[in-house]
PDB file of all heavy atoms in Angstrom:
ATOM      1  N   SER A   1       6.728   8.794 -13.270  1.00  0.00           N
ATOM      2  CA  SER A   1       6.584   7.909 -14.623  1.00  0.00           C
ATOM      3  C   SER A   1       5.482   8.516 -15.416  1.00  0.00           C
ATOM      4  O   SER A   1       5.216   9.688 -15.428  1.00  0.00           O
ATOM      5  CB  SER A   1       6.159   6.495 -14.079  1.00  0.00           C
ATOM      6  OG  SER A   1       4.971   6.504 -13.410  1.00  0.00           O
ATOM      7  N   PHE A   2       4.852   7.619 -16.255  1.00  0.00           N
ATOM      8  CA  PHE A   2       3.813   8.041 -17.249  1.00  0.00           C
ATOM      9  C   PHE A   2       2.538   8.413 -16.594  1.00  0.00           C
ATOM     10  O   PHE A   2       1.639   9.045 -17.045  1.00  0.00           O
ATOM     11  CB  PHE A   2       3.551   6.976 -18.164  1.00  0.00           C
ATOM     12  CG  PHE A   2       4.719   6.545 -19.040  1.00  0.00           C
ATOM     13  CD1 PHE A   2       5.094   5.220 -18.961  1.00  0.00           C
ATOM     14  CD2 PHE A   2       5.466   7.389 -19.811  1.00  0.00           C
ATOM     15  CE1 PHE A   2       6.234   4.785 -19.751  1.00  0.00           C
ATOM     16  CE2 PHE A   2       6.563   6.997 -20.550  1.00  0.00           C
ATOM     17  CZ  PHE A   2       6.893   5.716 -20.421  1.00  0.00           C
ATOM     18  N   LYS A   3       2.361   7.944 -15.273  1.00  0.00           N
ATOM     19  CA  LYS A   3       1.029   8.056 -14.594  1.00  0.00           C
ATOM     20  C   LYS A   3       1.250   8.446 -13.175  1.00  0.00           C
ATOM     21  O   LYS A   3       2.308   8.388 -12.622  1.00  0.00           O
ATOM     22  CB  LYS A   3       0.244   6.764 -14.756  1.00  0.00           C
ATOM     23  CG  LYS A   3       1.048   5.604 -14.068  1.00  0.00           C
ATOM     24  CD  LYS A   3       0.311   4.305 -14.256  1.00  0.00           C
ATOM     25  CE  LYS A   3       0.976   3.200 -13.555  1.00  0.00           C
ATOM     26  NZ  LYS A   3       0.917   3.306 -12.035  1.00  0.00           N
ATOM     27  N   PRO A   4       0.227   8.828 -12.451  1.00  0.00           N
ATOM     28  CA  PRO A   4       0.331   8.982 -11.039  1.00  0.00           C
ATOM     29  C   PRO A   4       0.665   7.717 -10.340  1.00  0.00           C
ATOM     30  O   PRO A   4       0.214   6.623 -10.723  1.00  0.00           O
ATOM     31  CB  PRO A   4      -1.091   9.534 -10.660  1.00  0.00           C
ATOM     32  CG  PRO A   4      -1.768  10.008 -11.886  1.00  0.00           C
ATOM     33  CD  PRO A   4      -1.172   9.124 -12.981  1.00  0.00           C
ATOM     34  N   GLU A   5       1.455   7.684  -9.277  1.00  0.00           N
ATOM     35  CA  GLU A   5       1.726   6.596  -8.561  1.00  0.00           C
ATOM     36  C   GLU A   5       1.056   6.788  -7.125  1.00  0.00           C
ATOM     37  O   GLU A   5       0.944   7.897  -6.626  1.00  0.00           O
ATOM     38  CB  GLU A   5       3.290   6.531  -8.280  1.00  0.00           C
ATOM     39  CG  GLU A   5       4.172   6.446  -9.476  1.00  0.00           C
ATOM     40  CD  GLU A   5       3.777   5.114 -10.359  1.00  0.00           C
ATOM     41  OE1 GLU A   5       3.404   4.154  -9.761  1.00  0.00           O
ATOM     42  OE2 GLU A   5       4.080   5.135 -11.542  1.00  0.00           O
ATOM     43  N   TYR A   6       0.535   5.739  -6.565  1.00  0.00           N
ATOM     44  CA  TYR A   6      -0.203   5.839  -5.260  1.00  0.00           C
ATOM     45  C   TYR A   6       0.528   5.001  -4.237  1.00  0.00           C
ATOM     46  O   TYR A   6       1.098   3.915  -4.492  1.00  0.00           O
ATOM     47  CB  TYR A   6      -1.591   5.265  -5.512  1.00  0.00           C
ATOM     48  CG  TYR A   6      -2.467   6.033  -6.459  1.00  0.00           C
ATOM     49  CD1 TYR A   6      -2.388   5.798  -7.870  1.00  0.00           C
ATOM     50  CD2 TYR A   6      -3.174   7.144  -6.006  1.00  0.00           C
ATOM     51  CE1 TYR A   6      -3.188   6.548  -8.734  1.00  0.00           C
ATOM     52  CE2 TYR A   6      -3.877   7.867  -6.912  1.00  0.00           C
ATOM     53  CZ  TYR A   6      -3.965   7.603  -8.204  1.00  0.00           C
ATOM     54  OH  TYR A   6      -4.682   8.394  -9.058  1.00  0.00           O
ATOM     55  N   ALA A   7       0.489   5.532  -2.933  1.00  0.00           N
ATOM     56  CA  ALA A   7       1.068   4.851  -1.877  1.00  0.00           C
ATOM     57  C   ALA A   7       0.237   5.184  -0.607  1.00  0.00           C
ATOM     58  O   ALA A   7      -0.194   6.293  -0.518  1.00  0.00           O
ATOM     59  CB  ALA A   7       2.516   5.242  -1.672  1.00  0.00           C
ATOM     60  N   TRP A   8       0.193   4.274   0.329  1.00  0.00           N
ATOM     61  CA  TRP A   8      -0.591   4.474   1.597  1.00  0.00           C
ATOM     62  C   TRP A   8       0.534   4.670   2.713  1.00  0.00           C
ATOM     63  O   TRP A   8       1.412   3.866   2.844  1.00  0.00           O
ATOM     64  CB  TRP A   8      -1.475   3.264   1.915  1.00  0.00           C
ATOM     65  CG  TRP A   8      -2.510   3.074   0.980  1.00  0.00           C
ATOM     66  CD1 TRP A   8      -2.487   2.551  -0.232  1.00  0.00           C
ATOM     67  CD2 TRP A   8      -3.889   3.379   1.175  1.00  0.00           C
ATOM     68  NE1 TRP A   8      -3.816   2.512  -0.847  1.00  0.00           N
ATOM     69  CE2 TRP A   8      -4.645   2.914  -0.005  1.00  0.00           C
ATOM     70  CE3 TRP A   8      -4.595   3.919   2.255  1.00  0.00           C
ATOM     71  CZ2 TRP A   8      -5.980   3.236  -0.101  1.00  0.00           C
ATOM     72  CZ3 TRP A   8      -5.941   4.214   2.165  1.00  0.00           C
ATOM     73  CH2 TRP A   8      -6.640   3.845   1.034  1.00  0.00           C
ATOM     74  N   PHE A   9       0.246   5.790   3.530  1.00  0.00           N
ATOM     75  CA  PHE A   9       1.057   6.082   4.633  1.00  0.00           C
ATOM     76  C   PHE A   9       0.230   6.097   5.895  1.00  0.00           C
ATOM     77  O   PHE A   9      -0.878   6.403   5.915  1.00  0.00           O
ATOM     78  CB  PHE A   9       1.726   7.512   4.362  1.00  0.00           C
ATOM     79  CG  PHE A   9       2.893   7.516   3.418  1.00  0.00           C
ATOM     80  CD1 PHE A   9       2.722   7.305   2.157  1.00  0.00           C
ATOM     81  CD2 PHE A   9       4.213   7.648   3.898  1.00  0.00           C
ATOM     82  CE1 PHE A   9       3.730   7.301   1.183  1.00  0.00           C
ATOM     83  CE2 PHE A   9       5.221   7.673   2.993  1.00  0.00           C
ATOM     84  CZ  PHE A   9       4.936   7.462   1.634  1.00  0.00           C
ATOM     85  N   ASP A  10       1.058   5.855   7.005  1.00  0.00           N
ATOM     86  CA  ASP A  10       0.280   5.923   8.264  1.00  0.00           C
ATOM     87  C   ASP A  10       0.379   7.433   8.882  1.00  0.00           C
ATOM     88  O   ASP A  10       0.827   8.274   8.135  1.00  0.00           O
ATOM     89  CB  ASP A  10       0.885   4.956   9.268  1.00  0.00           C
ATOM     90  CG  ASP A  10       2.348   5.248   9.656  1.00  0.00           C
ATOM     91  OD1 ASP A  10       2.842   6.332   9.506  1.00  0.00           O
ATOM     92  OD2 ASP A  10       3.001   4.309  10.133  1.00  0.00           O
ATOM     93  N   GLN A  11       0.018   7.580  10.055  1.00  0.00           N
ATOM     94  CA  GLN A  11      -0.109   8.970  10.633  1.00  0.00           C
ATOM     95  C   GLN A  11       1.272   9.495  10.949  1.00  0.00           C
ATOM     96  O   GLN A  11       1.426  10.719  10.971  1.00  0.00           O
ATOM     97  CB  GLN A  11      -0.805   8.894  12.028  1.00  0.00           C
ATOM     98  CG  GLN A  11      -2.425   8.682  11.805  1.00  0.00           C
ATOM     99  CD  GLN A  11      -3.014   8.664  13.153  1.00  0.00           C
ATOM    100  OE1 GLN A  11      -2.836   7.709  13.834  1.00  0.00           O
ATOM    101  NE2 GLN A  11      -3.812   9.617  13.487  1.00  0.00           N
ATOM    102  N   PHE A  12       2.365   8.577  10.876  1.00  0.00           N
ATOM    103  CA  PHE A  12       3.594   9.038  11.197  1.00  0.00           C
ATOM    104  C   PHE A  12       4.440   9.143   9.880  1.00  0.00           C
ATOM    105  O   PHE A  12       5.649   9.361   9.901  1.00  0.00           O
ATOM    106  CB  PHE A  12       4.408   8.074  12.172  1.00  0.00           C
ATOM    107  CG  PHE A  12       3.619   7.867  13.404  1.00  0.00           C
ATOM    108  CD1 PHE A  12       3.353   6.518  13.680  1.00  0.00           C
ATOM    109  CD2 PHE A  12       3.082   8.809  14.174  1.00  0.00           C
ATOM    110  CE1 PHE A  12       2.571   6.204  14.767  1.00  0.00           C
ATOM    111  CE2 PHE A  12       2.369   8.489  15.309  1.00  0.00           C
ATOM    112  CZ  PHE A  12       2.003   7.186  15.589  1.00  0.00           C
ATOM    113  N   ASN A  13       3.689   9.209   8.725  1.00  0.00           N
ATOM    114  CA  ASN A  13       4.340   9.380   7.422  1.00  0.00           C
ATOM    115  C   ASN A  13       5.331   8.297   7.145  1.00  0.00           C
ATOM    116  O   ASN A  13       6.310   8.414   6.499  1.00  0.00           O
ATOM    117  CB  ASN A  13       4.947  10.711   7.262  1.00  0.00           C
ATOM    118  CG  ASN A  13       3.945  11.880   7.182  1.00  0.00           C
ATOM    119  OD1 ASN A  13       2.669  11.587   7.017  1.00  0.00           O
ATOM    120  ND2 ASN A  13       4.324  13.019   7.605  1.00  0.00           N
ATOM    121  N   ARG A  14       4.931   6.978   7.636  1.00  0.00           N
ATOM    122  CA  ARG A  14       5.700   5.815   7.230  1.00  0.00           C
ATOM    123  C   ARG A  14       4.923   5.067   6.217  1.00  0.00           C
ATOM    124  O   ARG A  14       3.630   5.022   6.254  1.00  0.00           O
ATOM    125  CB  ARG A  14       5.949   4.926   8.508  1.00  0.00           C
ATOM    126  CG  ARG A  14       6.749   5.593   9.624  1.00  0.00           C
ATOM    127  CD  ARG A  14       8.186   5.688   9.269  1.00  0.00           C
ATOM    128  NE  ARG A  14       8.832   4.357   9.027  1.00  0.00           N
ATOM    129  CZ  ARG A  14       9.282   3.492   9.940  1.00  0.00           C
ATOM    130  NH1 ARG A  14       9.121   3.906  11.311  1.00  0.00           N
ATOM    131  NH2 ARG A  14       9.949   2.397   9.719  1.00  0.00           N
ATOM    132  N   ILE A  15       5.502   4.383   5.190  1.00  0.00           N
ATOM    133  CA  ILE A  15       4.936   3.576   4.319  1.00  0.00           C
ATOM    134  C   ILE A  15       4.059   2.608   4.985  1.00  0.00           C
ATOM    135  O   ILE A  15       4.488   1.857   5.904  1.00  0.00           O
ATOM    136  CB  ILE A  15       5.940   2.934   3.366  1.00  0.00           C
ATOM    137  CG1 ILE A  15       6.435   3.847   2.386  1.00  0.00           C
ATOM    138  CG2 ILE A  15       5.254   1.634   2.658  1.00  0.00           C
ATOM    139  CD1 ILE A  15       5.499   4.042   1.201  1.00  0.00           C
ATOM    140  N   PHE A  16       2.791   2.397   4.579  1.00  0.00           N
ATOM    141  CA  PHE A  16       1.839   1.380   5.150  1.00  0.00           C
ATOM    142  C   PHE A  16       1.679   0.363   4.141  1.00  0.00           C
ATOM    143  O   PHE A  16       1.682  -0.961   4.423  1.00  0.00           O
ATOM    144  CB  PHE A  16       0.522   2.037   5.594  1.00  0.00           C
ATOM    145  CG  PHE A  16      -0.412   1.040   6.313  1.00  0.00           C
ATOM    146  CD1 PHE A  16      -0.174   0.805   7.666  1.00  0.00           C
ATOM    147  CD2 PHE A  16      -1.294   0.355   5.524  1.00  0.00           C
ATOM    148  CE1 PHE A  16      -1.012  -0.128   8.366  1.00  0.00           C
ATOM    149  CE2 PHE A  16      -2.180  -0.596   6.150  1.00  0.00           C
ATOM    150  CZ  PHE A  16      -2.005  -0.750   7.592  1.00  0.00           C
ATOM    151  N   ALA A  17       1.355   0.696   2.918  1.00  0.00           N
ATOM    152  CA  ALA A  17       1.039  -0.428   1.856  1.00  0.00           C
ATOM    153  C   ALA A  17       1.224   0.200   0.513  1.00  0.00           C
ATOM    154  O   ALA A  17       1.043   1.406   0.238  1.00  0.00           O
ATOM    155  CB  ALA A  17      -0.406  -0.858   1.983  1.00  0.00           C
ATOM    156  N   LEU A  18       1.551  -0.594  -0.465  1.00  0.00           N
ATOM    157  CA  LEU A  18       1.511  -0.333  -1.908  1.00  0.00           C
ATOM    158  C   LEU A  18       0.722  -1.421  -2.506  1.00  0.00           C
ATOM    159  O   LEU A  18       1.350  -2.338  -3.129  1.00  0.00           O
ATOM    160  CB  LEU A  18       2.942  -0.284  -2.456  1.00  0.00           C
ATOM    161  CG  LEU A  18       3.836   0.782  -1.895  1.00  0.00           C
ATOM    162  CD1 LEU A  18       5.344   0.481  -2.120  1.00  0.00           C
ATOM    163  CD2 LEU A  18       3.456   2.182  -2.436  1.00  0.00           C
ATOM    164  N   PRO A  19      -0.556  -1.411  -2.543  1.00  0.00           N
ATOM    165  CA  PRO A  19      -1.345  -2.463  -3.060  1.00  0.00           C
ATOM    166  C   PRO A  19      -1.240  -2.397  -4.578  1.00  0.00           C
ATOM    167  O   PRO A  19      -1.257  -1.395  -5.164  1.00  0.00           O
ATOM    168  CB  PRO A  19      -2.717  -2.193  -2.529  1.00  0.00           C
ATOM    169  CG  PRO A  19      -2.781  -0.850  -2.125  1.00  0.00           C
ATOM    170  CD  PRO A  19      -1.387  -0.387  -1.892  1.00  0.00           C
ATOM    171  N   SER A  20      -1.439  -3.529  -5.255  1.00  0.00           N
ATOM    172  CA  SER A  20      -1.400  -3.702  -6.695  1.00  0.00           C
ATOM    173  C   SER A  20      -2.070  -4.972  -7.120  1.00  0.00           C
ATOM    174  O   SER A  20      -2.066  -5.860  -6.393  1.00  0.00           O
ATOM    175  CB  SER A  20       0.094  -3.636  -7.093  1.00  0.00           C
ATOM    176  OG  SER A  20       0.170  -3.899  -8.506  1.00  0.00           O
ATOM    177  N   THR A  21      -2.415  -5.000  -8.382  1.00  0.00           N
ATOM    178  CA  THR A  21      -2.992  -6.143  -8.920  1.00  0.00           C
ATOM    179  C   THR A  21      -1.809  -7.132  -9.368  1.00  0.00           C
ATOM    180  O   THR A  21      -2.079  -8.346  -9.753  1.00  0.00           O
ATOM    181  CB  THR A  21      -3.934  -5.933 -10.174  1.00  0.00           C
ATOM    182  OG1 THR A  21      -3.077  -5.211 -11.152  1.00  0.00           O
ATOM    183  CG2 THR A  21      -5.093  -5.262  -9.757  1.00  0.00           C
ATOM    184  N   TRP A  22      -0.505  -6.579  -9.279  1.00  0.00           N
ATOM    185  CA  TRP A  22       0.536  -7.453  -9.657  1.00  0.00           C
ATOM    186  C   TRP A  22       1.404  -7.750  -8.465  1.00  0.00           C
ATOM    187  O   TRP A  22       1.113  -8.720  -7.747  1.00  0.00           O
ATOM    188  CB  TRP A  22       1.409  -6.781 -10.639  1.00  0.00           C
ATOM    189  CG  TRP A  22       2.432  -7.621 -11.377  1.00  0.00           C
ATOM    190  CD1 TRP A  22       3.706  -7.588 -11.262  1.00  0.00           C
ATOM    191  CD2 TRP A  22       2.142  -8.513 -12.475  1.00  0.00           C
ATOM    192  NE1 TRP A  22       4.300  -8.554 -12.017  1.00  0.00           N
ATOM    193  CE2 TRP A  22       3.324  -9.091 -12.807  1.00  0.00           C
ATOM    194  CE3 TRP A  22       0.992  -8.972 -13.084  1.00  0.00           C
ATOM    195  CZ2 TRP A  22       3.386 -10.051 -13.774  1.00  0.00           C
ATOM    196  CZ3 TRP A  22       0.979  -9.897 -14.028  1.00  0.00           C
ATOM    197  CH2 TRP A  22       2.373 -10.495 -14.428  1.00  0.00           C
ATOM    198  N   LEU A  23       2.366  -6.952  -7.986  1.00  0.00           N
ATOM    199  CA  LEU A  23       3.171  -7.095  -6.840  1.00  0.00           C
ATOM    200  C   LEU A  23       2.692  -6.108  -5.737  1.00  0.00           C
ATOM    201  O   LEU A  23       2.844  -4.947  -5.967  1.00  0.00           O
ATOM    202  CB  LEU A  23       4.595  -6.867  -7.186  1.00  0.00           C
ATOM    203  CG  LEU A  23       5.612  -7.144  -6.008  1.00  0.00           C
ATOM    204  CD1 LEU A  23       5.587  -8.483  -5.483  1.00  0.00           C
ATOM    205  CD2 LEU A  23       6.986  -6.682  -6.335  1.00  0.00           C
ATOM    206  N   SER A  24       2.167  -6.594  -4.549  1.00  0.00           N
ATOM    207  CA  SER A  24       1.707  -5.652  -3.644  1.00  0.00           C
ATOM    208  C   SER A  24       2.619  -5.848  -2.394  1.00  0.00           C
ATOM    209  O   SER A  24       3.273  -6.861  -2.177  1.00  0.00           O
ATOM    210  CB  SER A  24       0.347  -6.188  -3.071  1.00  0.00           C
ATOM    211  OG  SER A  24      -0.734  -5.914  -4.007  1.00  0.00           O
ATOM    212  N   CYS A  25       2.729  -4.682  -1.620  1.00  0.00           N
ATOM    213  CA  CYS A  25       3.483  -4.651  -0.427  1.00  0.00           C
ATOM    214  C   CYS A  25       2.573  -4.096   0.621  1.00  0.00           C
ATOM    215  O   CYS A  25       1.946  -3.099   0.487  1.00  0.00           O
ATOM    216  CB  CYS A  25       4.802  -3.698  -0.639  1.00  0.00           C
ATOM    217  SG  CYS A  25       5.590  -3.245   0.872  1.00  0.00           S
ATOM    218  N   ILE A  26       2.591  -4.720   1.814  1.00  0.00           N
ATOM    219  CA  ILE A  26       1.788  -4.318   2.948  1.00  0.00           C
ATOM    220  C   ILE A  26       2.459  -4.599   4.243  1.00  0.00           C
ATOM    221  O   ILE A  26       3.140  -5.685   4.370  1.00  0.00           O
ATOM    222  CB  ILE A  26       0.312  -4.883   2.862  1.00  0.00           C
ATOM    223  CG1 ILE A  26      -0.605  -4.119   3.955  1.00  0.00           C
ATOM    224  CG2 ILE A  26       0.414  -6.381   2.957  1.00  0.00           C
ATOM    225  CD1 ILE A  26      -2.061  -4.407   3.635  1.00  0.00           C
ATOM    226  N   ARG A  27       2.257  -3.798   5.266  1.00  0.00           N
ATOM    227  CA  ARG A  27       2.855  -4.048   6.603  1.00  0.00           C
ATOM    228  C   ARG A  27       2.292  -5.359   7.116  1.00  0.00           C
ATOM    229  O   ARG A  27       1.179  -5.598   7.139  1.00  0.00           O
ATOM    230  CB  ARG A  27       2.563  -2.867   7.521  1.00  0.00           C
ATOM    231  CG  ARG A  27       3.333  -2.679   8.771  1.00  0.00           C
ATOM    232  CD  ARG A  27       3.159  -1.476   9.585  1.00  0.00           C
ATOM    233  NE  ARG A  27       3.488  -0.358   8.756  1.00  0.00           N
ATOM    234  CZ  ARG A  27       3.427   0.962   9.179  1.00  0.00           C
ATOM    235  NH1 ARG A  27       2.570   1.090  10.267  1.00  0.00           N
ATOM    236  NH2 ARG A  27       3.805   1.930   8.505  1.00  0.00           N
ATOM    237  N   ASP A  28       3.362  -5.991   7.756  1.00  0.00           N
ATOM    238  CA  ASP A  28       2.936  -7.306   8.367  1.00  0.00           C
ATOM    239  C   ASP A  28       1.837  -7.113   9.371  1.00  0.00           C
ATOM    240  O   ASP A  28       1.851  -6.202  10.247  1.00  0.00           O
ATOM    241  CB  ASP A  28       4.152  -7.956   9.016  1.00  0.00           C
ATOM    242  CG  ASP A  28       5.023  -8.592   7.932  1.00  0.00           C
ATOM    243  OD1 ASP A  28       4.711  -8.622   6.833  1.00  0.00           O
ATOM    244  OD2 ASP A  28       6.164  -9.088   8.464  1.00  0.00           O
ATOM    245  N   GLY A  29       0.878  -8.005   9.348  1.00  0.00           N
ATOM    246  CA  GLY A  29      -0.260  -8.010  10.314  1.00  0.00           C
ATOM    247  C   GLY A  29      -1.401  -7.312   9.670  1.00  0.00           C
ATOM    248  O   GLY A  29      -2.568  -7.411  10.336  1.00  0.00           O
ATOM    249  N   TYR A  30      -1.357  -6.704   8.586  1.00  0.00           N
ATOM    250  CA  TYR A  30      -2.481  -6.061   7.984  1.00  0.00           C
ATOM    251  C   TYR A  30      -2.951  -6.562   6.543  1.00  0.00           C
ATOM    252  O   TYR A  30      -3.563  -6.023   5.844  1.00  0.00           O
ATOM    253  CB  TYR A  30      -2.212  -4.551   7.806  1.00  0.00           C
ATOM    254  CG  TYR A  30      -2.027  -3.768   9.100  1.00  0.00           C
ATOM    255  CD1 TYR A  30      -0.772  -3.659   9.635  1.00  0.00           C
ATOM    256  CD2 TYR A  30      -3.098  -3.227   9.695  1.00  0.00           C
ATOM    257  CE1 TYR A  30      -0.570  -3.039  10.875  1.00  0.00           C
ATOM    258  CE2 TYR A  30      -2.994  -2.640  11.022  1.00  0.00           C
ATOM    259  CZ  TYR A  30      -1.743  -2.531  11.600  1.00  0.00           C
ATOM    260  OH  TYR A  30      -1.561  -1.905  12.744  1.00  0.00           O
ATOM    261  N   GLU A  31      -2.356  -7.822   6.233  1.00  0.00           N
ATOM    262  CA  GLU A  31      -2.665  -8.379   5.074  1.00  0.00           C
ATOM    263  C   GLU A  31      -4.033  -8.472   4.681  1.00  0.00           C
ATOM    264  O   GLU A  31      -4.523  -8.348   3.552  1.00  0.00           O
ATOM    265  CB  GLU A  31      -1.977  -9.812   4.986  1.00  0.00           C
ATOM    266  CG  GLU A  31      -0.428  -9.783   5.058  1.00  0.00           C
ATOM    267  CD  GLU A  31       0.073  -9.878   6.474  1.00  0.00           C
ATOM    268  OE1 GLU A  31      -0.824  -9.636   7.425  1.00  0.00           O
ATOM    269  OE2 GLU A  31       1.252 -10.109   6.765  1.00  0.00           O
ATOM    270  N   GLN A  32      -4.929  -8.625   5.634  1.00  0.00           N
ATOM    271  CA  GLN A  32      -6.357  -8.859   5.381  1.00  0.00           C
ATOM    272  C   GLN A  32      -7.066  -7.587   4.829  1.00  0.00           C
ATOM    273  O   GLN A  32      -8.254  -7.702   4.311  1.00  0.00           O
ATOM    274  CB  GLN A  32      -7.139  -9.324   6.644  1.00  0.00           C
ATOM    275  CG  GLN A  32      -7.351  -8.219   7.720  1.00  0.00           C
ATOM    276  CD  GLN A  32      -6.166  -7.958   8.622  1.00  0.00           C
ATOM    277  OE1 GLN A  32      -5.094  -8.624   8.308  1.00  0.00           O
ATOM    278  NE2 GLN A  32      -6.264  -7.233   9.718  1.00  0.00           N
ATOM    279  N   ILE A  33      -6.454  -6.482   4.893  1.00  0.00           N
ATOM    280  CA  ILE A  33      -7.108  -5.322   4.364  1.00  0.00           C
ATOM    281  C   ILE A  33      -6.556  -4.818   2.992  1.00  0.00           C
ATOM    282  O   ILE A  33      -6.845  -3.760   2.495  1.00  0.00           O
ATOM    283  CB  ILE A  33      -7.036  -4.110   5.318  1.00  0.00           C
ATOM    284  CG1 ILE A  33      -5.648  -3.572   5.690  1.00  0.00           C
ATOM    285  CG2 ILE A  33      -7.736  -4.440   6.716  1.00  0.00           C
ATOM    286  CD1 ILE A  33      -5.569  -2.173   6.451  1.00  0.00           C
ATOM    287  N   ASN A  34      -5.607  -5.593   2.415  1.00  0.00           N
ATOM    288  CA  ASN A  34      -4.948  -5.115   1.232  1.00  0.00           C
ATOM    289  C   ASN A  34      -5.876  -5.029   0.185  1.00  0.00           C
ATOM    290  O   ASN A  34      -5.869  -4.038  -0.600  1.00  0.00           O
ATOM    291  CB  ASN A  34      -3.865  -6.257   0.876  1.00  0.00           C
ATOM    292  CG  ASN A  34      -2.977  -5.839  -0.334  1.00  0.00           C
ATOM    293  OD1 ASN A  34      -2.293  -4.898  -0.300  1.00  0.00           O
ATOM    294  ND2 ASN A  34      -3.197  -6.633  -1.411  1.00  0.00           N
ATOM    295  N   GLU A  35      -6.839  -5.947   0.018  1.00  0.00           N
ATOM    296  CA  GLU A  35      -7.914  -5.835  -1.051  1.00  0.00           C
ATOM    297  C   GLU A  35      -8.793  -4.573  -0.869  1.00  0.00           C
ATOM    298  O   GLU A  35      -9.013  -3.829  -1.864  1.00  0.00           O
ATOM    299  CB  GLU A  35      -8.694  -7.145  -1.108  1.00  0.00           C
ATOM    300  CG  GLU A  35      -8.054  -8.314  -1.713  1.00  0.00           C
ATOM    301  CD  GLU A  35      -7.703  -8.022  -3.194  1.00  0.00           C
ATOM    302  OE1 GLU A  35      -8.460  -7.501  -3.891  1.00  0.00           O
ATOM    303  OE2 GLU A  35      -6.560  -8.478  -3.544  1.00  0.00           O
ATOM    304  N   GLN A  36      -9.112  -4.261   0.417  1.00  0.00           N
ATOM    305  CA  GLN A  36      -9.849  -3.120   0.670  1.00  0.00           C
ATOM    306  C   GLN A  36      -9.116  -1.800   0.160  1.00  0.00           C
ATOM    307  O   GLN A  36      -9.708  -0.933  -0.422  1.00  0.00           O
ATOM    308  CB  GLN A  36     -10.247  -2.997   2.152  1.00  0.00           C
ATOM    309  CG  GLN A  36     -11.174  -1.775   2.452  1.00  0.00           C
ATOM    310  CD  GLN A  36     -11.400  -1.697   3.982  1.00  0.00           C
ATOM    311  OE1 GLN A  36     -11.063  -2.594   4.707  1.00  0.00           O
ATOM    312  NE2 GLN A  36     -12.252  -0.747   4.376  1.00  0.00           N
ATOM    313  N   LEU A  37      -7.821  -1.756   0.555  1.00  0.00           N
ATOM    314  CA  LEU A  37      -7.101  -0.619   0.164  1.00  0.00           C
ATOM    315  C   LEU A  37      -6.836  -0.604  -1.380  1.00  0.00           C
ATOM    316  O   LEU A  37      -7.025   0.593  -1.951  1.00  0.00           O
ATOM    317  CB  LEU A  37      -5.569  -0.669   0.745  1.00  0.00           C
ATOM    318  CG  LEU A  37      -5.469  -0.715   2.218  1.00  0.00           C
ATOM    319  CD1 LEU A  37      -4.014  -0.740   2.714  1.00  0.00           C
ATOM    320  CD2 LEU A  37      -6.205   0.436   2.896  1.00  0.00           C
TER     321      LEU A  37
END
């Protein structure tokens, strides 16, 4: 797109989280660290 996109992956190169100020996605059980990410 027009800008860099960011995504969080775990050690096995699986999606872990896509935090955002709009629509966020995070692995179940880790919601409490979304803001930190």
